[in-house]
Each structure stands twice: as C-alpha cells, then as structure tokens.
Amino acid sequence: MISEVKVDLTGGVLTLTLSRPDKKNALSNEMYGVLADAIERAETDTEIRVVLVQGDGDMFTAGNDMGEFAAQGSGNGPAERHVVRFLKALAQATVPIVAAVQGKAVGIGTTLLLHCDHVILGEDAQLVTPFVNLALVPEAASSLLLPARIGYVRAFSMFALGEPLPAQTALAWGLANAIVPVAQLHAQARQIAEAIAAKPRGALTATKRLMRDAETLSAQMDREGVSFAQRLTSAEAREAFLAFAQKRKPDFSKIA
C-alpha cells in the first residue's frame, strides 16, 4: 500500500506531503501515525533541521476523516488514536515547522498552523474551523492559541460560525507570513525551509523553546481532549454527522 503521507528528507528538510487528493487529503488514523512518527523523529535526528508540511491536489486538507469521526462517536474507533500522539508531538516540537497551504485547510488543517513557525498561503487558501458546526470543540490547543494570536472576538467568530477565512484576511490577522500564487507555493515554501535549515540548529531550537510553553500547550490539549470525547458521543454530534452523510443542514432545535 502506498502511504497517503509522503516523507522525504533532502538537504536537512523533512517534507511531509499529505497525498490523499481523492479524499481532499482528509486525515485518517494511519496518516496521523505517519505524521506523529515524523515529527517525533525530527526531535532526535540531528540531520533534520526543518519540517515542511504541504499537500497534494487542490486542497491542503479537509480535516479529520468524517467516517472515522462517526465510527469513534459510536464506539468503533481505532484502539490507538494517533491524532493524540500527533498533537502532543506538535506541542513539544522544537525543530522549526514550515507549512504551505493551498485551497481549504479545514479543522486540524487550520489549528496545526498555529504550531508552525512559518506559514505560506496560496492565493486560494481558506482557513476553516467548523468544530461547533459539527457539535464539537476546538483541538490542538487552538482554544488557547487562536485567541492569543488574533484576539478573542475574532477567534470566537471563527469557531462559532465556522465560515472560511480567506488568505488575505488570514495574513492581515497574523495567521500567515505571505501569500503567493498557487503555482509557486511549494517552491516558495521549499526556499524558506532551506533558508531556515542553513541557520544554526541549536540556536533555532533554543529560540523556539523559549517562545513556546510546551507544558501549557499539552495541558490545554488534554482539557480539550476530554471535552472533545464527550461531545463526540453527544446527540448533537450524532445529528451533525448524520446530516453530513445525508448532505443536508443539521437540525439542533429539538436537542436539549
């Protein structure tokens, strides 16, 4: 089986390419496992100086695989949820992470960007955080990081309304470093990654460690995880997932 996450280490840059374009790069448990392994490896492999995350196709990622969400909500999810390991690896990462985003970045596709150190958006990029629309809560410590980055009212609007945030607004709000034509996106991201890789690794990781509180981020992820698991089995979530499968608007009016 060909992995749906392509991993390449060249010139000190560990490139992780989400490669499930037929499913809009929706993240499966197996894909989370590959991503977690790679980021954990970057912390111990001194040959890796930068991690670059990108996606194939016309979308960065549609977020979590909805089929797996539904299965987990009904108690039929995988025995080991690699997403937890992936999130903790992000929280504890000291190696710089660069992201290249085209099309929509949905759910964790947006929240993982809060753990990246340099974010480049394609002109068509849209950041979407549909957690409340799915009767869930934010993850990846985004309930802490997003308000800190863009302010409470903007963050609440992103979470509560779940409306796509266009690239220009994301840049203006400080969620990205630059916007480039989609055709140049991966090349530009690679160029930035190589520039960072040429810097002294020890100084970079020490700087990132000083700028981020991994313990606080990990603790917030734990708090979110408890609430997320509770919401996932709620009547609201069942209605949201059923409506998604039936391609209709959910009706929460009769749920207390």
Protein backbone atom coordinates (compact mmCIF):
# COMPACT_ATOMS: atom_id res chain seq x y z
CA MET A 1 0.00 0.00 0.00
CA ILE A 2 1.32 3.45 -0.93
CA SER A 3 1.42 5.75 2.08
CA GLU A 4 -1.00 8.67 1.99
CA VAL A 5 1.69 10.79 3.61
CA LYS A 6 4.85 11.08 1.51
CA VAL A 7 8.01 11.56 3.60
CA ASP A 8 11.23 12.91 2.10
CA LEU A 9 14.44 14.10 3.75
CA THR A 10 16.62 16.19 1.48
CA GLY A 11 19.08 18.91 2.42
CA GLY A 12 18.06 18.92 6.07
CA VAL A 13 14.37 19.48 5.21
CA LEU A 14 11.93 16.73 6.17
CA THR A 15 9.00 17.22 3.79
CA LEU A 16 5.65 15.70 4.78
CA THR A 17 3.18 15.74 1.89
CA LEU A 18 -0.46 14.87 2.52
CA SER A 19 -1.22 12.72 -0.51
CA ARG A 20 -4.84 11.61 -0.45
CA PRO A 21 -6.18 14.04 -3.05
CA ASP A 22 -9.16 11.85 -3.98
CA LYS A 23 -10.41 12.41 -0.41
CA LYS A 24 -9.26 16.06 -0.27
CA ASN A 25 -6.37 14.92 1.96
CA ALA A 26 -8.75 14.07 4.81
CA LEU A 27 -6.62 12.73 7.64
CA SER A 28 -7.04 9.10 8.65
CA ASN A 29 -5.71 7.46 11.80
CA GLU A 30 -2.93 5.87 9.76
CA MET A 31 -1.92 9.25 8.33
CA TYR A 32 -1.81 10.76 11.82
CA GLY A 33 0.51 7.93 12.80
CA VAL A 34 2.95 8.71 9.98
CA LEU A 35 2.87 12.42 10.82
CA ALA A 36 3.43 11.76 14.53
CA ASP A 37 6.35 9.43 13.78
CA ALA A 38 7.93 12.04 11.52
CA ILE A 39 7.69 14.94 13.96
CA GLU A 40 8.92 12.78 16.83
CA ARG A 41 11.84 11.70 14.63
CA ALA A 42 12.69 15.33 13.88
CA GLU A 43 13.34 15.93 17.57
CA THR A 44 16.07 13.28 17.76
CA ASP A 45 17.50 13.10 14.23
CA THR A 46 20.10 15.88 14.00
CA GLU A 47 20.08 15.58 10.20
CA ILE A 48 16.59 17.11 10.24
CA ARG A 49 16.79 20.87 10.59
CA VAL A 50 13.31 21.88 9.38
CA VAL A 51 9.96 20.14 8.84
CA LEU A 52 7.89 21.22 5.81
CA VAL A 53 4.19 20.27 5.69
CA GLN A 54 2.29 20.52 2.41
CA GLY A 55 -0.50 18.81 0.48
CA ASP A 56 -1.07 17.37 -2.97
CA GLY A 57 -4.06 18.36 -5.10
CA ASP A 58 -6.27 21.43 -4.81
CA MET A 59 -6.79 21.33 -1.03
CA PHE A 60 -4.35 21.33 1.89
CA THR A 61 -6.64 19.07 3.93
CA ALA A 62 -10.36 18.57 4.53
CA GLY A 63 -9.51 17.85 8.17
CA ASN A 64 -10.28 14.66 10.02
CA ASP A 65 -11.78 11.77 8.07
CA MET A 66 -15.51 12.09 8.83
CA GLY A 67 -16.08 8.36 8.57
CA GLU A 68 -13.57 7.78 11.35
CA PHE A 69 -15.17 10.54 13.42
CA ALA A 70 -18.54 8.84 13.13
CA ALA A 71 -17.05 5.44 13.98
CA GLN A 72 -15.34 6.85 17.04
CA GLY A 73 -18.55 8.50 18.18
CA SER A 74 -20.33 5.14 18.03
CA GLY A 75 -17.54 3.38 19.93
CA ASN A 76 -15.99 1.69 16.90
CA GLY A 77 -12.89 3.83 16.54
CA PRO A 78 -9.29 2.57 16.42
CA ALA A 79 -7.74 1.16 19.58
CA GLU A 80 -4.89 3.70 19.38
CA ARG A 81 -5.78 7.20 18.22
CA HIS A 82 -2.61 8.53 16.61
CA VAL A 83 -4.07 12.03 16.43
CA VAL A 84 -3.35 12.41 20.15
CA ARG A 85 0.28 11.50 19.61
CA PHE A 86 0.46 13.87 16.65
CA LEU A 87 -0.94 16.78 18.64
CA LYS A 88 1.44 16.19 21.54
CA ALA A 89 4.36 16.00 19.08
CA LEU A 90 3.32 19.40 17.72
CA ALA A 91 3.14 20.87 21.22
CA GLN A 92 6.59 19.59 22.12
CA ALA A 93 8.32 20.22 18.79
CA THR A 94 11.42 22.41 18.88
CA VAL A 95 12.50 21.90 15.26
CA PRO A 96 11.08 24.71 13.05
CA ILE A 97 7.98 23.79 11.05
CA VAL A 98 7.04 25.43 7.75
CA ALA A 99 3.61 24.99 6.15
CA ALA A 100 2.43 25.53 2.57
CA VAL A 101 -1.36 25.81 2.25
CA GLN A 102 -3.47 25.76 -0.90
CA GLY A 103 -7.24 25.60 -1.08
CA LYS A 104 -9.11 24.87 2.12
CA ALA A 105 -7.43 23.99 5.41
CA VAL A 106 -10.29 22.55 7.46
CA GLY A 107 -10.33 21.82 11.18
CA ILE A 108 -6.95 20.49 12.19
CA GLY A 109 -5.71 21.76 8.84
CA THR A 110 -6.05 25.23 10.35
CA THR A 111 -5.25 24.51 14.00
CA LEU A 112 -1.96 22.76 13.18
CA LEU A 113 -0.83 26.01 11.51
CA LEU A 114 -0.81 27.61 14.96
CA HIS A 115 2.11 25.28 15.76
CA CYS A 116 4.01 26.15 12.59
CA ASP A 117 6.75 28.76 12.61
CA HIS A 118 6.39 29.99 9.04
CA VAL A 119 3.15 29.72 7.05
CA ILE A 120 2.81 30.45 3.35
CA LEU A 121 -0.65 30.57 1.78
CA GLY A 122 -1.67 30.15 -1.81
CA GLU A 123 -3.90 32.89 -3.17
CA ASP A 124 -6.87 30.50 -2.99
CA ALA A 125 -6.27 29.42 0.62
CA GLN A 126 -9.17 29.43 3.07
CA LEU A 127 -8.91 28.58 6.76
CA VAL A 128 -11.97 26.85 8.22
CA THR A 129 -12.67 25.85 11.83
CA PRO A 130 -16.06 24.03 11.73
CA PHE A 131 -15.88 22.44 15.19
CA VAL A 132 -19.08 23.95 16.60
CA ASN A 133 -20.90 23.25 13.32
CA LEU A 134 -20.07 19.58 13.93
CA ALA A 135 -21.18 19.87 17.58
CA LEU A 136 -17.56 19.51 18.71
CA VAL A 137 -14.95 21.75 20.36
CA PRO A 138 -11.58 23.02 19.11
CA GLU A 139 -8.43 20.92 19.48
CA ALA A 140 -4.63 21.23 19.12
CA ALA A 141 -4.64 23.83 21.95
CA SER A 142 -6.30 26.19 19.47
CA SER A 143 -8.77 27.32 22.13
CA LEU A 144 -5.72 28.92 23.77
CA LEU A 145 -3.52 29.75 20.78
CA LEU A 146 -6.06 31.27 18.40
CA PRO A 147 -7.43 33.95 20.80
CA ALA A 148 -3.85 34.77 21.79
CA ARG A 149 -2.93 35.23 18.12
CA ILE A 150 -5.92 37.13 16.72
CA GLY A 151 -7.98 38.24 19.73
CA TYR A 152 -10.96 36.70 21.50
CA VAL A 153 -13.82 38.04 19.36
CA ARG A 154 -12.20 37.06 16.07
CA ALA A 155 -11.33 33.60 17.41
CA PHE A 156 -14.84 33.07 18.78
CA SER A 157 -16.30 34.05 15.42
CA MET A 158 -14.05 31.56 13.62
CA PHE A 159 -15.05 28.77 16.00
CA ALA A 160 -18.76 29.59 16.42
CA LEU A 161 -19.63 30.44 12.81
CA GLY A 162 -17.13 28.21 11.02
CA GLU A 163 -17.01 30.48 7.99
CA PRO A 164 -14.00 30.22 5.64
CA LEU A 165 -11.33 32.84 6.34
CA PRO A 166 -9.75 33.99 3.06
CA ALA A 167 -6.00 34.18 2.62
CA GLN A 168 -5.81 37.99 2.68
CA THR A 169 -7.66 38.16 6.00
CA ALA A 170 -5.56 35.36 7.47
CA LEU A 171 -2.42 37.29 6.52
CA ALA A 172 -3.77 40.55 7.96
CA TRP A 173 -4.66 38.80 11.23
CA GLY A 174 -1.19 37.34 11.65
CA LEU A 175 -2.00 33.72 10.81
CA ALA A 176 0.44 33.59 7.90
CA ASN A 177 3.69 35.14 6.69
CA ALA A 178 2.94 35.53 2.99
CA ILE A 179 0.56 34.84 0.12
CA VAL A 180 1.92 33.57 -3.19
CA PRO A 181 0.45 32.29 -6.46
CA VAL A 182 -0.59 28.66 -6.07
CA ALA A 183 1.76 27.59 -8.87
CA GLN A 184 4.70 28.92 -6.85
CA LEU A 185 3.54 27.75 -3.41
CA HIS A 186 5.62 24.61 -2.92
CA ALA A 187 8.74 26.14 -4.45
CA GLN A 188 8.47 29.22 -2.23
CA ALA A 189 7.91 27.09 0.86
CA ARG A 190 10.89 24.93 -0.02
CA GLN A 191 13.03 28.05 -0.43
CA ILE A 192 12.05 29.31 3.03
CA ALA A 193 12.63 25.88 4.56
CA GLU A 194 16.10 25.68 3.04
CA ALA A 195 16.93 29.19 4.30
CA ILE A 196 15.93 28.18 7.83
CA ALA A 197 17.81 24.88 7.53
CA ALA A 198 21.00 26.83 6.83
CA LYS A 199 20.79 28.53 10.25
CA PRO A 200 22.42 27.08 13.39
CA ARG A 201 20.13 24.26 14.53
CA GLY A 202 20.87 24.64 18.23
CA ALA A 203 20.09 28.35 18.24
CA LEU A 204 16.86 27.79 16.31
CA THR A 205 15.54 25.07 18.59
CA ALA A 206 16.54 27.02 21.72
CA THR A 207 14.74 30.09 20.38
CA LYS A 208 11.58 28.13 19.60
CA ARG A 209 11.68 26.50 23.03
CA LEU A 210 11.80 29.97 24.66
CA MET A 211 8.91 31.25 22.53
CA ARG A 212 6.52 28.39 23.33
CA ASP A 213 5.38 26.80 26.59
CA ALA A 214 5.07 23.12 25.66
CA GLU A 215 3.75 22.14 29.09
CA THR A 216 0.90 24.65 28.92
CA LEU A 217 0.03 23.64 25.36
CA SER A 218 0.00 19.96 26.27
CA ALA A 219 -2.22 20.60 29.29
CA GLN A 220 -4.68 22.58 27.16
CA MET A 221 -4.77 19.72 24.65
CA ASP A 222 -5.69 17.37 27.49
CA ARG A 223 -8.55 19.65 28.57
CA GLU A 224 -9.79 19.93 25.00
CA GLY A 225 -9.47 16.17 24.54
CA VAL A 226 -11.79 15.41 27.45
CA SER A 227 -14.45 17.80 26.17
CA PHE A 228 -13.97 16.64 22.57
CA ALA A 229 -14.53 12.99 23.53
CA GLN A 230 -17.69 13.92 25.43
CA ARG A 231 -19.05 15.99 22.56
CA LEU A 232 -18.25 13.26 20.04
CA THR A 233 -20.79 10.92 21.64
CA SER A 234 -23.47 13.59 22.13
CA ALA A 235 -26.87 13.69 20.44
CA GLU A 236 -25.79 16.93 18.76
CA ALA A 237 -22.79 15.23 17.19
CA ARG A 238 -24.90 12.28 16.00
CA GLU A 239 -27.23 14.73 14.25
CA ALA A 240 -24.31 16.67 12.77
CA PHE A 241 -22.64 13.56 11.35
CA LEU A 242 -25.95 12.14 10.05
CA ALA A 243 -26.72 15.45 8.35
CA PHE A 244 -23.24 15.49 6.82
CA ALA A 245 -23.72 11.96 5.45
CA GLN A 246 -27.16 12.86 4.10
CA LYS A 247 -25.88 16.17 2.66
CA ARG A 248 -28.47 18.25 4.47
CA LYS A 249 -28.48 21.03 7.04
CA PRO A 250 -28.43 19.70 10.61
CA ASP A 251 -31.36 20.48 12.91
CA PHE A 252 -30.32 21.02 16.53
CA SER A 253 -33.58 22.70 17.58
CA LYS A 254 -35.07 19.63 19.26
CA ILE A 255 -31.91 18.63 21.13
CA ALA A 256 -31.84 19.90 24.71
